[in-house]
N, C-alpha and C. Protein backbone atom coordinates (compact mmCIF):
# COMPACT_ATOMS: atom_id res chain seq x y z
N UNK A 1 6.35 2.77 -20.46
CA UNK A 1 5.79 3.70 -19.50
C UNK A 1 6.75 4.89 -19.38
N UNK A 2 6.21 6.08 -19.55
CA UNK A 2 7.05 7.26 -19.44
C UNK A 2 7.34 7.56 -17.97
N UNK A 3 8.34 8.38 -17.76
CA UNK A 3 8.77 8.66 -16.39
C UNK A 3 7.64 9.21 -15.54
N UNK A 4 6.86 10.16 -16.08
CA UNK A 4 5.78 10.73 -15.26
C UNK A 4 4.69 9.71 -14.97
N UNK A 5 4.51 8.72 -15.85
CA UNK A 5 3.49 7.70 -15.59
C UNK A 5 3.92 6.72 -14.50
N UNK A 6 5.20 6.69 -14.17
CA UNK A 6 5.65 5.84 -13.06
C UNK A 6 5.07 6.30 -11.73
N UNK A 7 4.61 7.54 -11.67
CA UNK A 7 4.04 8.09 -10.45
C UNK A 7 2.51 8.03 -10.44
N UNK A 8 1.92 7.46 -11.48
CA UNK A 8 0.46 7.39 -11.57
C UNK A 8 -0.06 6.08 -11.03
N UNK A 9 -0.90 6.13 -10.01
CA UNK A 9 -1.53 4.90 -9.53
C UNK A 9 -2.58 4.42 -10.52
N UNK A 10 -2.78 3.11 -10.58
CA UNK A 10 -3.84 2.56 -11.41
C UNK A 10 -5.21 2.84 -10.80
N UNK A 11 -5.25 2.91 -9.48
CA UNK A 11 -6.50 3.15 -8.77
C UNK A 11 -6.21 4.05 -7.58
N UNK A 12 -7.00 5.10 -7.45
CA UNK A 12 -6.90 6.00 -6.30
C UNK A 12 -8.18 5.88 -5.50
N UNK A 13 -8.07 5.46 -4.25
CA UNK A 13 -9.26 5.33 -3.42
C UNK A 13 -9.47 6.62 -2.63
N UNK A 14 -10.71 7.04 -2.48
CA UNK A 14 -10.99 8.30 -1.79
C UNK A 14 -10.87 8.20 -0.28
N UNK A 15 -10.61 7.01 0.24
CA UNK A 15 -10.50 6.84 1.68
C UNK A 15 -9.29 5.99 2.02
N UNK A 16 -9.31 5.46 3.22
CA UNK A 16 -8.20 4.64 3.70
C UNK A 16 -8.23 3.26 3.04
N UNK A 17 -7.26 2.44 3.39
CA UNK A 17 -7.19 1.07 2.89
C UNK A 17 -8.46 0.29 3.22
N UNK A 18 -9.15 0.69 4.26
CA UNK A 18 -10.37 -0.01 4.65
C UNK A 18 -11.47 0.10 3.61
N UNK A 19 -11.31 1.01 2.63
CA UNK A 19 -12.31 1.15 1.55
C UNK A 19 -12.02 0.22 0.37
N UNK A 20 -10.90 -0.51 0.43
CA UNK A 20 -10.58 -1.49 -0.61
C UNK A 20 -11.37 -2.76 -0.31
N UNK A 21 -12.26 -3.12 -1.21
CA UNK A 21 -13.19 -4.23 -0.96
C UNK A 21 -12.83 -5.46 -1.79
N UNK A 22 -13.32 -6.62 -1.37
CA UNK A 22 -13.13 -7.82 -2.19
C UNK A 22 -13.69 -7.65 -3.61
N UNK A 23 -14.78 -6.91 -3.75
CA UNK A 23 -15.35 -6.66 -5.09
C UNK A 23 -14.36 -5.91 -5.97
N UNK A 24 -13.69 -4.89 -5.43
CA UNK A 24 -12.68 -4.15 -6.21
C UNK A 24 -11.50 -5.05 -6.57
N UNK A 25 -11.07 -5.85 -5.63
CA UNK A 25 -9.96 -6.76 -5.87
C UNK A 25 -10.32 -7.72 -7.01
N UNK A 26 -11.52 -8.25 -6.96
CA UNK A 26 -11.99 -9.17 -8.00
C UNK A 26 -12.15 -8.43 -9.34
N UNK A 27 -12.70 -7.23 -9.30
CA UNK A 27 -12.91 -6.44 -10.52
C UNK A 27 -11.61 -6.27 -11.31
N UNK A 28 -10.50 -6.06 -10.60
CA UNK A 28 -9.22 -5.84 -11.27
C UNK A 28 -8.40 -7.12 -11.42
N UNK A 29 -8.98 -8.26 -11.07
CA UNK A 29 -8.32 -9.55 -11.29
C UNK A 29 -7.07 -9.76 -10.44
N UNK A 30 -7.06 -9.19 -9.25
CA UNK A 30 -5.89 -9.31 -8.39
C UNK A 30 -5.94 -10.59 -7.57
N UNK A 31 -4.82 -11.27 -7.50
CA UNK A 31 -4.70 -12.51 -6.73
C UNK A 31 -3.89 -12.30 -5.45
N UNK A 32 -3.24 -11.13 -5.34
CA UNK A 32 -2.44 -10.84 -4.17
C UNK A 32 -2.33 -9.35 -3.96
N UNK A 33 -1.99 -8.97 -2.73
CA UNK A 33 -1.74 -7.57 -2.39
C UNK A 33 -0.46 -7.48 -1.57
N UNK A 34 0.39 -6.54 -1.94
CA UNK A 34 1.52 -6.15 -1.11
C UNK A 34 1.09 -4.86 -0.42
N UNK A 35 1.12 -4.87 0.89
CA UNK A 35 0.62 -3.74 1.67
C UNK A 35 1.75 -3.01 2.37
N UNK A 36 1.78 -1.69 2.21
CA UNK A 36 2.64 -0.84 3.02
C UNK A 36 2.06 -0.87 4.43
N UNK A 37 2.85 -0.49 5.43
CA UNK A 37 2.36 -0.55 6.81
C UNK A 37 2.10 0.85 7.37
N UNK A 38 3.15 1.65 7.56
CA UNK A 38 3.00 2.96 8.21
C UNK A 38 2.17 3.91 7.36
N UNK A 39 1.11 4.41 7.98
CA UNK A 39 0.17 5.35 7.38
C UNK A 39 -0.77 4.69 6.36
N UNK A 40 -0.48 3.44 5.97
CA UNK A 40 -1.41 2.71 5.09
C UNK A 40 -2.30 1.81 5.94
N UNK A 41 -1.69 1.02 6.82
CA UNK A 41 -2.47 0.13 7.69
C UNK A 41 -2.67 0.70 9.09
N UNK A 42 -1.65 1.35 9.60
CA UNK A 42 -1.73 1.92 10.95
C UNK A 42 -1.08 3.30 10.95
N UNK A 43 -1.60 4.21 11.77
CA UNK A 43 -0.93 5.51 11.90
C UNK A 43 0.49 5.29 12.42
N UNK A 44 1.38 6.13 12.00
CA UNK A 44 2.78 5.97 12.38
C UNK A 44 2.98 6.07 13.89
N UNK A 45 2.04 6.71 14.56
CA UNK A 45 2.13 6.86 16.02
C UNK A 45 1.54 5.66 16.76
N UNK A 46 0.88 4.75 16.05
CA UNK A 46 0.24 3.60 16.70
C UNK A 46 1.23 2.43 16.78
N UNK A 47 1.25 1.78 17.91
CA UNK A 47 2.13 0.64 18.10
C UNK A 47 1.46 -0.69 17.86
N UNK A 48 0.16 -0.65 17.56
CA UNK A 48 -0.56 -1.91 17.35
C UNK A 48 -1.71 -1.68 16.37
N UNK A 49 -2.35 -2.76 16.01
CA UNK A 49 -3.48 -2.68 15.08
C UNK A 49 -4.75 -2.39 15.88
N UNK A 50 -5.86 -2.28 15.18
CA UNK A 50 -7.13 -1.99 15.81
C UNK A 50 -8.19 -2.91 15.21
N UNK A 51 -9.32 -3.09 15.89
CA UNK A 51 -10.31 -4.09 15.46
C UNK A 51 -10.80 -3.93 14.02
N UNK A 52 -11.01 -2.70 13.55
CA UNK A 52 -11.49 -2.50 12.17
C UNK A 52 -10.47 -3.01 11.16
N UNK A 53 -9.20 -2.79 11.42
CA UNK A 53 -8.16 -3.27 10.52
C UNK A 53 -8.09 -4.79 10.55
N UNK A 54 -8.16 -5.37 11.74
CA UNK A 54 -8.12 -6.83 11.84
C UNK A 54 -9.29 -7.47 11.10
N UNK A 55 -10.48 -6.88 11.20
CA UNK A 55 -11.66 -7.40 10.48
C UNK A 55 -11.45 -7.25 8.97
N UNK A 56 -10.89 -6.12 8.53
CA UNK A 56 -10.63 -5.90 7.10
C UNK A 56 -9.64 -6.93 6.58
N UNK A 57 -8.56 -7.16 7.32
CA UNK A 57 -7.56 -8.15 6.91
C UNK A 57 -8.21 -9.52 6.74
N UNK A 58 -9.03 -9.92 7.69
CA UNK A 58 -9.70 -11.23 7.60
C UNK A 58 -10.60 -11.31 6.37
N UNK A 59 -11.31 -10.24 6.08
CA UNK A 59 -12.19 -10.22 4.90
C UNK A 59 -11.37 -10.31 3.61
N UNK A 60 -10.30 -9.54 3.53
CA UNK A 60 -9.47 -9.51 2.32
C UNK A 60 -8.68 -10.81 2.17
N UNK A 61 -8.20 -11.36 3.27
CA UNK A 61 -7.46 -12.62 3.25
C UNK A 61 -8.28 -13.75 2.63
N UNK A 62 -9.59 -13.66 2.74
CA UNK A 62 -10.45 -14.73 2.20
C UNK A 62 -10.45 -14.75 0.68
N UNK A 63 -10.00 -13.66 0.03
CA UNK A 63 -10.05 -13.61 -1.43
C UNK A 63 -8.70 -13.38 -2.10
N UNK A 64 -7.65 -13.12 -1.34
CA UNK A 64 -6.36 -12.81 -1.97
C UNK A 64 -5.21 -13.05 -1.00
N UNK A 65 -4.04 -13.31 -1.55
CA UNK A 65 -2.83 -13.45 -0.74
C UNK A 65 -2.38 -12.07 -0.27
N UNK A 66 -1.81 -12.00 0.92
CA UNK A 66 -1.38 -10.72 1.50
C UNK A 66 0.07 -10.81 1.98
N UNK A 67 0.80 -9.72 1.82
CA UNK A 67 2.18 -9.62 2.29
C UNK A 67 2.43 -8.18 2.69
N UNK A 68 3.11 -7.96 3.81
CA UNK A 68 3.49 -6.62 4.25
C UNK A 68 4.92 -6.32 3.80
N UNK A 69 5.12 -5.14 3.23
CA UNK A 69 6.47 -4.68 2.87
C UNK A 69 6.59 -3.23 3.33
N UNK A 70 7.49 -3.01 4.30
CA UNK A 70 7.61 -1.70 4.92
C UNK A 70 9.03 -1.15 4.79
N UNK A 71 9.14 0.15 4.67
CA UNK A 71 10.44 0.81 4.72
C UNK A 71 10.95 0.91 6.17
N UNK A 72 10.05 0.79 7.12
CA UNK A 72 10.41 0.92 8.53
C UNK A 72 11.44 -0.15 8.90
N UNK A 73 12.41 0.22 9.71
CA UNK A 73 13.48 -0.70 10.11
C UNK A 73 13.22 -1.39 11.45
N UNK A 74 12.15 -1.03 12.13
CA UNK A 74 11.89 -1.55 13.47
C UNK A 74 11.25 -2.94 13.43
N UNK A 75 12.05 -3.93 13.77
CA UNK A 75 11.52 -5.30 13.87
C UNK A 75 10.43 -5.37 14.93
N UNK A 76 10.63 -4.68 16.05
CA UNK A 76 9.63 -4.71 17.12
C UNK A 76 8.29 -4.17 16.62
N UNK A 77 8.31 -3.05 15.92
CA UNK A 77 7.06 -2.44 15.46
C UNK A 77 6.44 -3.21 14.30
N UNK A 78 7.17 -3.38 13.21
CA UNK A 78 6.60 -4.03 12.01
C UNK A 78 6.35 -5.51 12.27
N UNK A 79 7.29 -6.17 12.92
CA UNK A 79 7.09 -7.58 13.25
C UNK A 79 5.89 -7.79 14.16
N UNK A 80 5.73 -6.90 15.14
CA UNK A 80 4.59 -6.99 16.04
C UNK A 80 3.26 -6.80 15.32
N UNK A 81 3.22 -5.83 14.43
CA UNK A 81 2.00 -5.59 13.64
C UNK A 81 1.72 -6.79 12.75
N UNK A 82 2.75 -7.29 12.07
CA UNK A 82 2.58 -8.44 11.18
C UNK A 82 2.10 -9.67 11.96
N UNK A 83 2.69 -9.92 13.11
CA UNK A 83 2.28 -11.08 13.91
C UNK A 83 0.84 -10.92 14.42
N UNK A 84 0.45 -9.70 14.78
CA UNK A 84 -0.92 -9.49 15.26
C UNK A 84 -1.95 -9.72 14.15
N UNK A 85 -1.52 -9.53 12.89
CA UNK A 85 -2.40 -9.75 11.75
C UNK A 85 -2.18 -11.13 11.11
N UNK A 86 -1.21 -11.86 11.65
CA UNK A 86 -0.85 -13.17 11.11
C UNK A 86 -0.49 -13.09 9.63
N UNK A 87 0.41 -12.13 9.31
CA UNK A 87 0.84 -11.91 7.93
C UNK A 87 2.36 -11.98 7.81
N UNK A 88 2.85 -12.48 6.69
CA UNK A 88 4.29 -12.45 6.43
C UNK A 88 4.70 -11.02 6.10
N UNK A 89 6.00 -10.72 6.30
CA UNK A 89 6.43 -9.34 6.11
C UNK A 89 7.91 -9.24 5.79
N UNK A 90 8.24 -8.10 5.19
CA UNK A 90 9.63 -7.66 5.03
C UNK A 90 9.70 -6.24 5.57
N UNK A 91 10.76 -5.94 6.28
CA UNK A 91 10.97 -4.56 6.73
C UNK A 91 12.24 -4.03 6.08
N UNK A 92 12.49 -2.74 6.24
CA UNK A 92 13.67 -2.11 5.65
C UNK A 92 13.71 -2.24 4.14
N UNK A 93 12.57 -2.08 3.49
CA UNK A 93 12.47 -2.31 2.04
C UNK A 93 13.15 -1.24 1.19
N UNK A 94 13.32 -0.06 1.73
CA UNK A 94 13.93 1.06 0.99
C UNK A 94 13.20 1.34 -0.33
N UNK A 95 11.86 1.24 -0.30
CA UNK A 95 11.08 1.58 -1.50
C UNK A 95 11.40 3.03 -1.90
N UNK A 96 11.60 3.30 -3.15
CA UNK A 96 11.12 2.58 -4.32
C UNK A 96 12.01 1.43 -4.81
N UNK A 97 12.96 0.99 -4.01
CA UNK A 97 13.70 -0.22 -4.37
C UNK A 97 12.70 -1.36 -4.56
N UNK A 98 12.98 -2.23 -5.49
CA UNK A 98 12.06 -3.32 -5.81
C UNK A 98 12.44 -4.65 -5.18
N UNK A 99 13.61 -4.72 -4.58
CA UNK A 99 14.16 -6.00 -4.13
C UNK A 99 13.22 -6.77 -3.19
N UNK A 100 12.74 -6.15 -2.13
CA UNK A 100 11.91 -6.88 -1.16
C UNK A 100 10.49 -7.09 -1.67
N UNK A 101 10.03 -6.22 -2.55
CA UNK A 101 8.72 -6.45 -3.16
C UNK A 101 8.81 -7.65 -4.10
N UNK A 102 9.90 -7.73 -4.87
CA UNK A 102 10.12 -8.91 -5.72
C UNK A 102 10.15 -10.19 -4.89
N UNK A 103 10.81 -10.14 -3.74
CA UNK A 103 10.87 -11.31 -2.86
C UNK A 103 9.46 -11.70 -2.39
N UNK A 104 8.63 -10.71 -2.06
CA UNK A 104 7.25 -11.00 -1.65
C UNK A 104 6.47 -11.62 -2.80
N UNK A 105 6.66 -11.11 -4.02
CA UNK A 105 5.99 -11.68 -5.20
C UNK A 105 6.40 -13.14 -5.38
N UNK A 106 7.69 -13.42 -5.22
CA UNK A 106 8.17 -14.80 -5.35
C UNK A 106 7.56 -15.70 -4.28
N UNK A 107 7.49 -15.20 -3.06
CA UNK A 107 6.89 -15.98 -1.97
C UNK A 107 5.41 -16.25 -2.24
N UNK A 108 4.72 -15.29 -2.84
CA UNK A 108 3.30 -15.47 -3.17
C UNK A 108 3.13 -16.34 -4.41
N UNK A 109 4.23 -16.51 -5.17
CA UNK A 109 4.20 -17.29 -6.40
C UNK A 109 3.17 -16.73 -7.39
N UNK A 110 3.20 -15.41 -7.53
CA UNK A 110 2.29 -14.72 -8.44
C UNK A 110 3.07 -13.77 -9.33
N UNK A 111 2.62 -13.59 -10.58
CA UNK A 111 3.26 -12.59 -11.44
C UNK A 111 2.87 -11.18 -10.97
N UNK A 112 3.75 -10.23 -11.20
CA UNK A 112 3.55 -8.87 -10.72
C UNK A 112 2.21 -8.29 -11.17
N UNK A 113 1.78 -8.55 -12.38
CA UNK A 113 0.55 -7.93 -12.89
C UNK A 113 -0.71 -8.42 -12.18
N UNK A 114 -0.60 -9.52 -11.43
CA UNK A 114 -1.75 -10.03 -10.68
C UNK A 114 -1.74 -9.59 -9.21
N UNK A 115 -0.79 -8.72 -8.87
CA UNK A 115 -0.66 -8.29 -7.48
C UNK A 115 -0.79 -6.77 -7.40
N UNK A 116 -1.55 -6.33 -6.43
CA UNK A 116 -1.70 -4.90 -6.18
C UNK A 116 -0.68 -4.43 -5.17
N UNK A 117 -0.06 -3.30 -5.45
CA UNK A 117 0.81 -2.63 -4.48
C UNK A 117 -0.03 -1.54 -3.85
N UNK A 118 -0.31 -1.66 -2.57
CA UNK A 118 -1.22 -0.75 -1.87
C UNK A 118 -0.42 0.12 -0.91
N UNK A 119 -0.53 1.43 -1.07
CA UNK A 119 0.18 2.33 -0.17
C UNK A 119 -0.36 3.74 -0.22
N UNK A 120 0.17 4.56 0.67
CA UNK A 120 -0.29 5.94 0.78
C UNK A 120 0.68 6.94 0.15
N UNK A 121 1.79 6.47 -0.41
CA UNK A 121 2.82 7.37 -0.93
C UNK A 121 3.10 7.12 -2.40
N UNK A 122 3.23 8.19 -3.16
CA UNK A 122 3.52 8.11 -4.59
C UNK A 122 4.98 7.76 -4.87
N UNK A 123 5.92 8.40 -4.16
CA UNK A 123 7.33 8.25 -4.48
C UNK A 123 7.95 6.99 -3.90
N UNK A 124 7.20 6.24 -3.12
CA UNK A 124 7.71 4.98 -2.59
C UNK A 124 6.83 3.84 -3.10
N UNK A 125 5.60 3.76 -2.63
CA UNK A 125 4.72 2.63 -2.93
C UNK A 125 4.31 2.57 -4.40
N UNK A 126 3.77 3.65 -4.92
CA UNK A 126 3.30 3.67 -6.32
C UNK A 126 4.48 3.53 -7.29
N UNK A 127 5.54 4.27 -7.05
CA UNK A 127 6.70 4.20 -7.93
C UNK A 127 7.29 2.79 -7.95
N UNK A 128 7.47 2.18 -6.80
CA UNK A 128 8.03 0.81 -6.75
C UNK A 128 7.11 -0.18 -7.46
N UNK A 129 5.81 -0.10 -7.18
CA UNK A 129 4.87 -1.01 -7.82
C UNK A 129 4.83 -0.85 -9.33
N UNK A 130 4.80 0.39 -9.80
CA UNK A 130 4.78 0.62 -11.25
C UNK A 130 6.06 0.15 -11.91
N UNK A 131 7.18 0.30 -11.25
CA UNK A 131 8.46 -0.16 -11.82
C UNK A 131 8.47 -1.68 -12.00
N UNK A 132 7.66 -2.39 -11.23
CA UNK A 132 7.58 -3.85 -11.34
C UNK A 132 6.43 -4.32 -12.22
N UNK A 133 5.59 -3.41 -12.68
CA UNK A 133 4.43 -3.81 -13.49
C UNK A 133 3.26 -4.29 -12.66
N UNK A 134 3.21 -3.88 -11.40
CA UNK A 134 2.11 -4.25 -10.52
C UNK A 134 0.93 -3.30 -10.75
N UNK A 135 -0.22 -3.67 -10.22
CA UNK A 135 -1.40 -2.81 -10.22
C UNK A 135 -1.28 -1.95 -8.97
N UNK A 136 -1.14 -0.65 -9.13
CA UNK A 136 -0.88 0.21 -7.98
C UNK A 136 -2.15 0.88 -7.47
N UNK A 137 -2.28 0.87 -6.15
CA UNK A 137 -3.46 1.41 -5.49
C UNK A 137 -3.00 2.44 -4.45
N UNK A 138 -3.41 3.67 -4.66
CA UNK A 138 -3.08 4.76 -3.72
C UNK A 138 -4.26 4.97 -2.78
N UNK A 139 -3.99 4.94 -1.49
CA UNK A 139 -5.03 5.16 -0.49
C UNK A 139 -4.68 6.40 0.32
N UNK A 140 -5.67 6.95 0.98
CA UNK A 140 -5.43 8.06 1.89
C UNK A 140 -4.73 7.52 3.15
N UNK A 141 -3.85 8.30 3.73
CA UNK A 141 -3.23 7.86 4.99
C UNK A 141 -4.31 7.56 6.03
N UNK A 142 -4.11 6.49 6.76
CA UNK A 142 -5.13 6.06 7.72
C UNK A 142 -5.01 6.87 9.01
N UNK A 143 -6.17 7.21 9.55
CA UNK A 143 -6.23 7.90 10.84
C UNK A 143 -7.21 7.12 11.70
N UNK A 144 -6.71 6.50 12.73
CA UNK A 144 -7.55 5.73 13.64
C UNK A 144 -8.34 6.70 14.52
N UNK A 145 -9.58 6.34 14.89
CA UNK A 145 -10.38 7.24 15.73
C UNK A 145 -9.67 7.71 17.00
N UNK A 146 -8.79 6.90 17.55
CA UNK A 146 -8.07 7.31 18.76
C UNK A 146 -7.00 8.37 18.46
N UNK A 147 -6.72 8.59 17.18
CA UNK A 147 -5.67 9.53 16.78
C UNK A 147 -6.25 10.62 15.88
N UNK A 148 -7.45 11.11 16.24
CA UNK A 148 -8.14 12.04 15.34
C UNK A 148 -7.70 13.48 15.46
N UNK A 149 -6.72 13.76 16.27
CA UNK A 149 -6.21 15.14 16.32
C UNK A 149 -5.80 15.53 14.90
N UNK A 150 -5.92 16.79 14.58
CA UNK A 150 -5.62 17.26 13.23
C UNK A 150 -4.28 16.72 12.75
N UNK A 151 -4.31 16.04 11.62
CA UNK A 151 -3.10 15.46 11.04
C UNK A 151 -2.94 16.00 9.64
N UNK A 152 -1.80 16.51 9.35
CA UNK A 152 -1.51 16.89 7.97
C UNK A 152 -0.47 15.92 7.45
N UNK A 153 -0.40 15.78 6.17
CA UNK A 153 0.53 14.86 5.53
C UNK A 153 1.36 15.65 4.53
N UNK A 154 2.31 16.48 5.03
CA UNK A 154 3.04 17.37 4.14
C UNK A 154 3.86 16.65 3.08
N UNK A 155 4.48 15.52 3.42
CA UNK A 155 5.29 14.81 2.42
C UNK A 155 4.41 14.30 1.30
N UNK A 156 3.28 13.70 1.66
CA UNK A 156 2.36 13.21 0.63
C UNK A 156 1.84 14.37 -0.22
N UNK A 157 1.50 15.48 0.40
CA UNK A 157 0.99 16.63 -0.35
C UNK A 157 2.04 17.14 -1.34
N UNK A 158 3.28 17.18 -0.91
CA UNK A 158 4.37 17.60 -1.82
C UNK A 158 4.53 16.61 -2.96
N UNK A 159 4.45 15.31 -2.66
CA UNK A 159 4.57 14.29 -3.71
C UNK A 159 3.47 14.44 -4.76
N UNK A 160 2.23 14.67 -4.31
CA UNK A 160 1.12 14.85 -5.25
C UNK A 160 1.38 16.09 -6.10
N UNK A 161 1.79 17.18 -5.49
CA UNK A 161 2.05 18.42 -6.21
C UNK A 161 3.15 18.22 -7.26
N UNK A 162 4.27 17.62 -6.88
CA UNK A 162 5.38 17.38 -7.82
C UNK A 162 4.93 16.45 -8.93
N UNK A 163 4.20 15.40 -8.60
CA UNK A 163 3.72 14.45 -9.61
C UNK A 163 2.85 15.14 -10.65
N UNK A 164 1.97 16.01 -10.18
CA UNK A 164 1.10 16.72 -11.11
C UNK A 164 1.89 17.68 -11.99
N UNK A 165 2.91 18.34 -11.44
CA UNK A 165 3.77 19.20 -12.25
C UNK A 165 4.46 18.39 -13.34
N UNK A 166 4.86 17.16 -12.99
CA UNK A 166 5.54 16.29 -13.96
C UNK A 166 4.57 15.67 -14.99
N UNK A 167 3.27 15.92 -14.79
CA UNK A 167 2.29 15.43 -15.75
C UNK A 167 1.61 14.14 -15.37
N UNK A 168 1.87 13.64 -14.18
CA UNK A 168 1.21 12.41 -13.73
C UNK A 168 -0.20 12.76 -13.26
N UNK A 169 -1.12 11.83 -13.52
CA UNK A 169 -2.51 12.02 -13.09
C UNK A 169 -2.76 11.14 -11.87
N UNK A 170 -3.28 11.73 -10.82
CA UNK A 170 -3.56 10.99 -9.60
C UNK A 170 -4.99 10.50 -9.61
N UNK A 171 -5.79 10.94 -10.56
CA UNK A 171 -7.18 10.49 -10.66
C UNK A 171 -7.22 9.11 -11.31
N UNK A 172 -8.31 8.40 -11.10
CA UNK A 172 -8.42 7.05 -11.61
C UNK A 172 -8.41 7.00 -13.13
N UNK A 173 -7.70 5.99 -13.65
CA UNK A 173 -7.64 5.73 -15.09
C UNK A 173 -8.78 4.77 -15.45
N UNK A 174 -9.16 4.77 -16.70
CA UNK A 174 -10.16 3.82 -17.18
C UNK A 174 -9.47 2.50 -17.48
N UNK A 175 -10.09 1.39 -17.09
CA UNK A 175 -9.49 0.06 -17.31
C UNK A 175 -10.38 -0.76 -18.21
């Protein structure tokens, strides 16, 4: 894999993580998902989950193993979210470091190629997942209806721009 391809997700969803369906998971032969937390599952300003996310987790849990891996250092925040979803987690992952993602893969007892790395960021989530040989899924940052004030994502926009300059394609690849 060339350097610019390390920034290319295997699948780019046009919406939030809530658009990832059991059918898509099955289509790509995934047995597990490692999920980013901030901006992937909950807005960074939210201190808790919401009913739509809880329903999505229950639906996805029925077909695949789930693990949370976050760069956030707050045990209170990430631990609280993980406990509310009844999911195992690692915090302080320092993605694109692979160490805590590898630990999650070992806990799931699955090879990297059977696990999707799901996140909203190219330079952390996608890069870390691709470095491990995982199936990478890029989602739009989540915005809960209670937080619908205009939100821009300047870091993500810069990452997409730099990735495209480097020759990475953010559009879906054929599988």
